[in-house]
Structures are given as structure tokens and as C-alpha cells.
Amino acid sequence: MRAEPELYKDKIEIALDGRQVFYLFFGGAVLACLVFVLGVMVGRRVEARAHVDRGAATSAARDPLAALDDLDASSRDDMSFRTQLAGGKAATSEVDQAVAAIEKSRAAARSEVGAKDKAAAKVSDEDESDDAEQDAAAKQAADEKKAAEAAKKAEKAEKDKAKKAAEAAKVAEAAKAVPDDDGRFTLQLSSFQERDDAESFQADMKATGYKAYLVEAEVEGKGTWFRVRYGTYDSYQAAIDAKDEFERKVQKIAYVTRL
């Protein structure tokens, strides 16, 4: 009776050959590698997300573009992993908030820069207006100076013209007073009340090649005069010719007078 139940018992024997053992070992190793890689990826995502959360505020203040780049990179990584696990809605909302904060910071920075540019432009316009006023004042002063100099030159020219006219009138009167007959004549170049002035003028005439000489004369009511004369001529016409030559070379007026 005892032998009958033992007949119904199945003997289970497991026999594995070398190939099956290798497959089992290889599959276990691949599974362990996948678990390790998955753990590393999850750890990196968690660490990157924590780093972005800590530096979002300060990064946006220091460099909004860099913070946006970091956030976009982390968002793309999160979407690749977290979207598969949680549908990606939470990551997308956080990214939008961070982007909005960065855009707001950038807009504030732009407005501040624009205000500074406007202030600088206003200061530059004021400086340019001041420079223009100074240039106009300097130009007006230069024009007034030129006008004054021109007036002085015109006045001097008028005086020289009047002096020459007076000297020419004197020459004409002297020519009328001298008789047109034979006699001895000379050229009177100038006359002075001071002897030193007469001698200085005489030296100048000698320097030009004319041997002038001094004649002291007493003029009634005027005292002593020192006359500077040149040459001796036997006729009035010869004296006139000498006078013309002298005036042409020396550019000074001479008078013909009788000795």
C-alpha cells in the first residue's frame, strides 16, 4: 500500500547545461547595469534640478541669458525624463515661471539702460549747445576785432592820403615861388627843430646813396630849424629832374629851393 502513493510523486530534476548558465548570468548582468544607469540618471536629474532652483534668482540678476540657457538645458533634460514619468506638466509650468521672471528682469535692465542713454543724450545736447554759444561768442569777438582793425587801417590810409596831398600842395606852391630863370638850386629833403633828428635823417639818406648835408636856419617866430638838403643844380629844370629821380628811388618827397 505504501508503494502506490510513491508512484504518483513526480520527480523534478533541474539540469542546466553551460549555455543556459551563461545566458542567465549575462541577463542578470545586463539587468544590474540598467538599474545602475537608471539610478545614476535619476541622481543627476535631481541634483541638476536642485542646482537650478538654488541659482535661479541670483543667476537671473547676474546674467539673465546664462540663467535662461541653464534653465532651458535643465528643462529639456527634465522633459526627456520627467515627462515620461509625470506627463511633463509640472516642468513646463516651472519653466514658464522662470522664463517670465528672467524676461521681467531683462525688461527692467533695458529700461534702466534706456534711461541712462536718455540722460547721457540730454547732457550731450546741453554740452553741444554750450559749445555752440561759446563758438558764436568767439566768432562775434573775432569779427568785431577784424572790423576795428579795418577801421584803423582805413583811418590811417585817410591820414596818409591827406598828408601826401598837403605835401603835394606844398611842392606845388614851392614850384610856383621859384622863378623859372637861371640860378643855383638844391633839394630840401626835410627840416627838424631838433639837431639829433636832423642828423639821424641825414644818416638815413646817406645810407641810401644820397650825400645829404645840414643847413641851420633861423625862422622868424619859430626859432632855429635844421634843414636836410641834397645836391646843387644850375637850373630849375635840372633840380626838378633830380627831384623826380629822388622821389622814385627813395619814396620820399623833396622840395626844390634856391640857394
Protein backbone atom coordinates (compact mmCIF):
# COMPACT_ATOMS: atom_id res chain seq x y z
CA MET A 1 0.00 0.00 0.00
CA ARG A 2 2.87 2.32 0.70
CA ALA A 3 4.32 1.81 -2.74
CA GLU A 4 1.26 3.08 -4.57
CA PRO A 5 1.38 6.75 -3.41
CA GLU A 6 5.05 6.95 -4.21
CA LEU A 7 4.25 6.03 -7.74
CA TYR A 8 2.25 9.23 -8.16
CA LYS A 9 5.00 11.53 -6.94
CA ASP A 10 6.81 13.43 -9.75
CA LYS A 11 10.45 13.86 -9.50
CA ILE A 12 11.54 17.30 -10.57
CA GLU A 13 15.09 17.49 -11.64
CA ILE A 14 16.76 20.63 -12.97
CA ALA A 15 19.62 20.12 -15.26
CA LEU A 16 21.24 23.16 -16.88
CA ASP A 17 23.92 22.99 -19.46
CA GLY A 18 26.74 25.55 -19.84
CA ARG A 19 24.95 27.72 -22.42
CA GLN A 20 21.90 28.20 -20.25
CA VAL A 21 24.06 29.16 -17.29
CA PHE A 22 25.86 31.76 -19.44
CA TYR A 23 22.58 33.24 -20.64
CA LEU A 24 21.27 33.54 -17.12
CA PHE A 25 24.47 35.23 -15.92
CA PHE A 26 24.57 37.62 -18.87
CA GLY A 27 20.92 38.61 -18.47
CA GLY A 28 21.44 39.28 -14.76
CA ALA A 29 24.47 41.44 -15.51
CA VAL A 30 22.57 43.47 -18.13
CA LEU A 31 19.68 43.98 -15.72
CA ALA A 32 22.06 45.15 -12.99
CA CYS A 33 23.71 47.61 -15.44
CA LEU A 34 20.35 49.02 -16.44
CA VAL A 35 19.37 49.51 -12.82
CA PHE A 36 22.71 51.25 -12.10
CA VAL A 37 22.43 53.56 -15.13
CA LEU A 38 18.85 54.41 -14.24
CA GLY A 39 19.90 55.26 -10.71
CA VAL A 40 22.74 57.48 -11.95
CA MET A 41 20.40 59.33 -14.36
CA VAL A 42 17.83 59.91 -11.65
CA GLY A 43 20.51 61.20 -9.28
CA ARG A 44 21.85 63.62 -11.89
CA ARG A 45 18.41 64.94 -12.69
CA VAL A 46 17.66 65.54 -9.05
CA GLU A 47 21.00 67.27 -8.49
CA ALA A 48 20.61 69.49 -11.62
CA ARG A 49 17.10 70.45 -10.65
CA ALA A 50 18.21 71.42 -7.14
CA HIS A 51 21.11 73.45 -8.57
CA VAL A 52 18.75 75.34 -10.94
CA ASP A 53 16.30 76.02 -8.10
CA ARG A 54 19.07 77.42 -5.89
CA GLY A 55 20.73 79.62 -8.56
CA ALA A 56 17.65 80.81 -10.46
CA ALA A 57 17.25 84.08 -8.56
CA THR A 58 20.93 85.05 -8.38
CA SER A 59 21.68 83.89 -11.94
CA ALA A 60 18.79 85.94 -13.30
CA ALA A 61 20.13 89.03 -11.51
CA ARG A 62 23.73 88.50 -12.64
CA ASP A 63 23.29 87.15 -16.14
CA PRO A 64 19.70 86.58 -17.35
CA LEU A 65 20.83 84.99 -20.60
CA ALA A 66 23.09 82.46 -18.84
CA ALA A 67 20.32 81.59 -16.37
CA LEU A 68 17.88 81.14 -19.23
CA ASP A 69 20.31 78.85 -21.05
CA ASP A 70 20.84 76.76 -17.90
CA LEU A 71 17.14 76.59 -17.24
CA ASP A 72 16.35 75.63 -20.83
CA ALA A 73 19.01 72.89 -20.73
CA SER A 74 17.72 71.50 -17.44
CA SER A 75 14.14 71.81 -18.69
CA ARG A 76 14.96 69.80 -21.78
CA ASP A 77 16.57 67.09 -19.60
CA ASP A 78 13.60 67.11 -17.24
CA MET A 79 11.16 66.85 -20.11
CA SER A 80 13.05 63.92 -21.53
CA PHE A 81 12.89 62.06 -18.23
CA ARG A 82 10.17 63.59 -16.10
CA THR A 83 7.70 63.95 -18.96
CA GLN A 84 7.78 60.22 -19.40
CA LEU A 85 7.16 59.69 -15.71
CA ALA A 86 4.80 62.56 -14.81
CA GLY A 87 3.49 63.84 -18.14
CA GLY A 88 5.77 66.95 -18.17
CA LYS A 89 3.14 69.42 -16.91
CA ALA A 90 4.93 70.40 -13.70
CA ALA A 91 8.26 71.01 -15.51
CA THR A 92 6.59 73.11 -18.17
CA SER A 93 4.86 75.38 -15.65
CA GLU A 94 8.04 75.95 -13.64
CA VAL A 95 9.98 76.75 -16.80
CA ASP A 96 7.36 79.29 -17.85
CA GLN A 97 7.55 80.99 -14.47
CA ALA A 98 11.33 81.12 -14.58
CA VAL A 99 11.31 82.44 -18.16
CA ALA A 100 8.78 85.12 -17.21
CA ALA A 101 10.95 86.18 -14.26
CA ILE A 102 14.04 86.39 -16.46
CA GLU A 103 12.19 88.35 -19.16
CA LYS A 104 10.94 90.75 -16.49
CA SER A 105 14.49 91.22 -15.22
CA ARG A 106 15.75 91.80 -18.76
CA ALA A 107 12.98 94.35 -19.42
CA ALA A 108 13.92 96.21 -16.22
CA ALA A 109 17.56 96.20 -17.29
CA ARG A 110 16.61 97.52 -20.74
CA SER A 111 14.51 100.31 -19.23
CA GLU A 112 17.37 101.28 -16.91
CA VAL A 113 19.84 101.33 -19.80
CA GLY A 114 17.39 103.40 -21.88
CA ALA A 115 17.01 105.91 -19.04
CA LYS A 116 20.79 106.21 -18.74
CA ASP A 117 21.10 106.69 -22.50
CA LYS A 118 18.46 109.44 -22.46
CA ALA A 119 20.21 111.20 -19.58
CA ALA A 120 23.56 110.95 -21.39
CA ALA A 121 21.99 112.27 -24.62
CA LYS A 122 20.45 115.19 -22.72
CA VAL A 123 23.80 116.06 -21.14
CA SER A 124 25.47 115.77 -24.55
CA ASP A 125 22.89 118.12 -26.10
CA GLU A 126 23.44 120.65 -23.31
CA ASP A 127 27.21 120.44 -23.80
CA GLU A 128 26.81 120.91 -27.55
CA SER A 129 24.55 123.94 -27.03
CA ASP A 130 27.09 125.46 -24.62
CA ASP A 131 29.88 124.82 -27.12
CA ALA A 132 27.81 126.40 -29.90
CA GLU A 133 27.17 129.51 -27.77
CA GLN A 134 30.86 129.79 -26.94
CA ASP A 135 31.80 129.37 -30.60
CA ALA A 136 29.28 132.05 -31.60
CA ALA A 137 30.61 134.44 -28.95
CA ALA A 138 34.22 133.80 -30.03
CA LYS A 139 33.28 134.34 -33.68
CA GLN A 140 31.48 137.59 -32.84
CA ALA A 141 34.51 138.82 -30.88
CA ALA A 142 36.82 137.92 -33.78
CA ASP A 143 34.54 139.75 -36.24
CA GLU A 144 34.47 142.84 -34.02
CA LYS A 145 38.26 142.76 -33.74
CA LYS A 146 38.62 142.49 -37.52
CA ALA A 147 36.19 145.37 -38.00
CA ALA A 148 38.15 147.53 -35.55
CA GLU A 149 41.42 146.72 -37.32
CA ALA A 150 39.86 147.50 -40.69
CA ALA A 151 38.59 150.84 -39.34
CA LYS A 152 42.07 151.68 -38.02
CA LYS A 153 43.64 150.82 -41.37
CA ALA A 154 41.10 152.95 -43.22
CA GLU A 155 41.71 155.86 -40.85
CA LYS A 156 45.46 155.55 -41.29
CA ALA A 157 45.08 155.40 -45.06
CA GLU A 158 42.98 158.57 -44.98
CA LYS A 159 45.59 160.32 -42.86
CA ASP A 160 48.39 159.23 -45.20
CA LYS A 161 46.37 160.39 -48.17
CA ALA A 162 45.74 163.79 -46.57
CA LYS A 163 49.41 164.12 -45.65
CA LYS A 164 50.51 163.32 -49.18
CA ALA A 165 48.00 165.82 -50.56
CA ALA A 166 49.33 168.51 -48.20
CA GLU A 167 52.91 167.74 -49.19
CA ALA A 168 51.96 167.82 -52.87
CA ALA A 169 50.32 171.21 -52.31
CA LYS A 170 53.48 172.46 -50.66
CA VAL A 171 55.56 171.21 -53.57
CA ALA A 172 53.25 172.99 -56.00
CA GLU A 173 53.48 176.23 -54.02
CA ALA A 174 57.25 175.95 -53.82
CA ALA A 175 57.43 175.36 -57.56
CA LYS A 176 55.36 178.49 -58.16
CA ALA A 177 57.50 180.55 -55.79
CA VAL A 178 60.75 179.60 -57.54
CA PRO A 179 61.39 181.80 -60.59
CA ASP A 180 61.95 179.99 -63.83
CA ASP A 181 65.27 181.59 -64.58
CA ASP A 182 68.85 180.52 -64.30
CA GLY A 183 70.41 180.24 -60.88
CA ARG A 184 71.60 177.73 -58.37
CA PHE A 185 69.07 175.31 -56.83
CA THR A 186 69.07 172.42 -54.36
CA LEU A 187 66.69 169.77 -52.99
CA GLN A 188 65.41 170.21 -49.48
CA LEU A 189 64.58 166.75 -48.19
CA SER A 190 63.21 167.65 -44.75
CA SER A 191 63.59 170.03 -41.78
CA PHE A 192 63.64 169.47 -38.00
CA GLN A 193 63.68 171.59 -34.86
CA GLU A 194 65.98 169.09 -33.12
CA ARG A 195 69.50 168.63 -34.41
CA ASP A 196 69.61 164.94 -33.42
CA ASP A 197 66.54 164.23 -35.54
CA ALA A 198 68.08 166.06 -38.48
CA GLU A 199 71.37 164.16 -38.17
CA SER A 200 69.51 160.82 -37.95
CA PHE A 201 67.57 161.63 -41.11
CA GLN A 202 70.82 162.74 -42.80
CA ALA A 203 72.41 159.37 -41.92
CA ASP A 204 69.45 157.52 -43.43
CA MET A 205 69.77 159.47 -46.66
CA LYS A 206 73.50 158.74 -46.83
CA ALA A 207 72.72 155.06 -46.33
CA THR A 208 70.54 155.16 -49.47
CA GLY A 209 73.37 156.73 -51.51
CA TYR A 210 72.46 160.43 -51.27
CA LYS A 211 75.10 162.65 -49.63
CA ALA A 212 72.77 164.98 -47.76
CA TYR A 213 74.01 167.94 -45.73
CA LEU A 214 72.64 170.05 -42.89
CA VAL A 215 71.78 173.76 -43.04
CA GLU A 216 70.91 175.68 -39.87
CA ALA A 217 68.40 178.49 -40.39
CA GLU A 218 66.60 180.95 -38.16
CA VAL A 219 62.86 181.19 -38.90
CA GLU A 220 61.06 184.25 -37.63
CA GLY A 221 58.62 183.33 -34.86
CA LYS A 222 59.63 179.64 -34.98
CA GLY A 223 63.21 179.59 -33.79
CA THR A 224 66.08 177.55 -35.21
CA TRP A 225 65.44 174.83 -37.77
CA PHE A 226 67.83 172.26 -39.17
CA ARG A 227 67.27 171.60 -42.84
CA VAL A 228 68.47 168.46 -44.63
CA ARG A 229 69.36 169.18 -48.26
CA TYR A 230 70.91 167.40 -51.19
CA GLY A 231 72.71 168.45 -54.36
CA THR A 232 73.41 171.69 -56.22
CA TYR A 233 71.87 172.37 -59.64
CA ASP A 234 72.49 175.21 -62.08
CA SER A 235 68.91 175.30 -63.41
CA TYR A 236 65.43 174.78 -62.10
CA GLN A 237 64.70 172.02 -64.63
CA ALA A 238 67.78 170.09 -63.54
CA ALA A 239 66.59 170.33 -59.96
CA ILE A 240 63.12 169.08 -60.98
CA ASP A 241 64.65 166.08 -62.77
CA ALA A 242 66.76 165.29 -59.70
CA LYS A 243 63.66 165.64 -57.51
CA ASP A 244 61.68 163.13 -59.64
CA GLU A 245 64.53 160.62 -59.57
CA PHE A 246 64.93 161.01 -55.79
CA GLU A 247 61.24 160.50 -55.08
CA ARG A 248 61.10 157.48 -57.38
CA LYS A 249 64.03 155.74 -55.65
CA VAL A 250 63.55 156.75 -52.02
CA GLN A 251 59.76 157.12 -51.98
CA LYS A 252 60.03 160.47 -50.12
CA ILE A 253 59.00 163.97 -51.19
CA ALA A 254 61.69 166.60 -51.85
CA TYR A 255 61.34 170.31 -52.49
CA VAL A 256 63.24 172.46 -54.97
CA THR A 257 64.63 175.61 -53.37
CA ARG A 258 67.05 178.30 -54.35
CA LEU A 259 70.44 178.52 -52.73
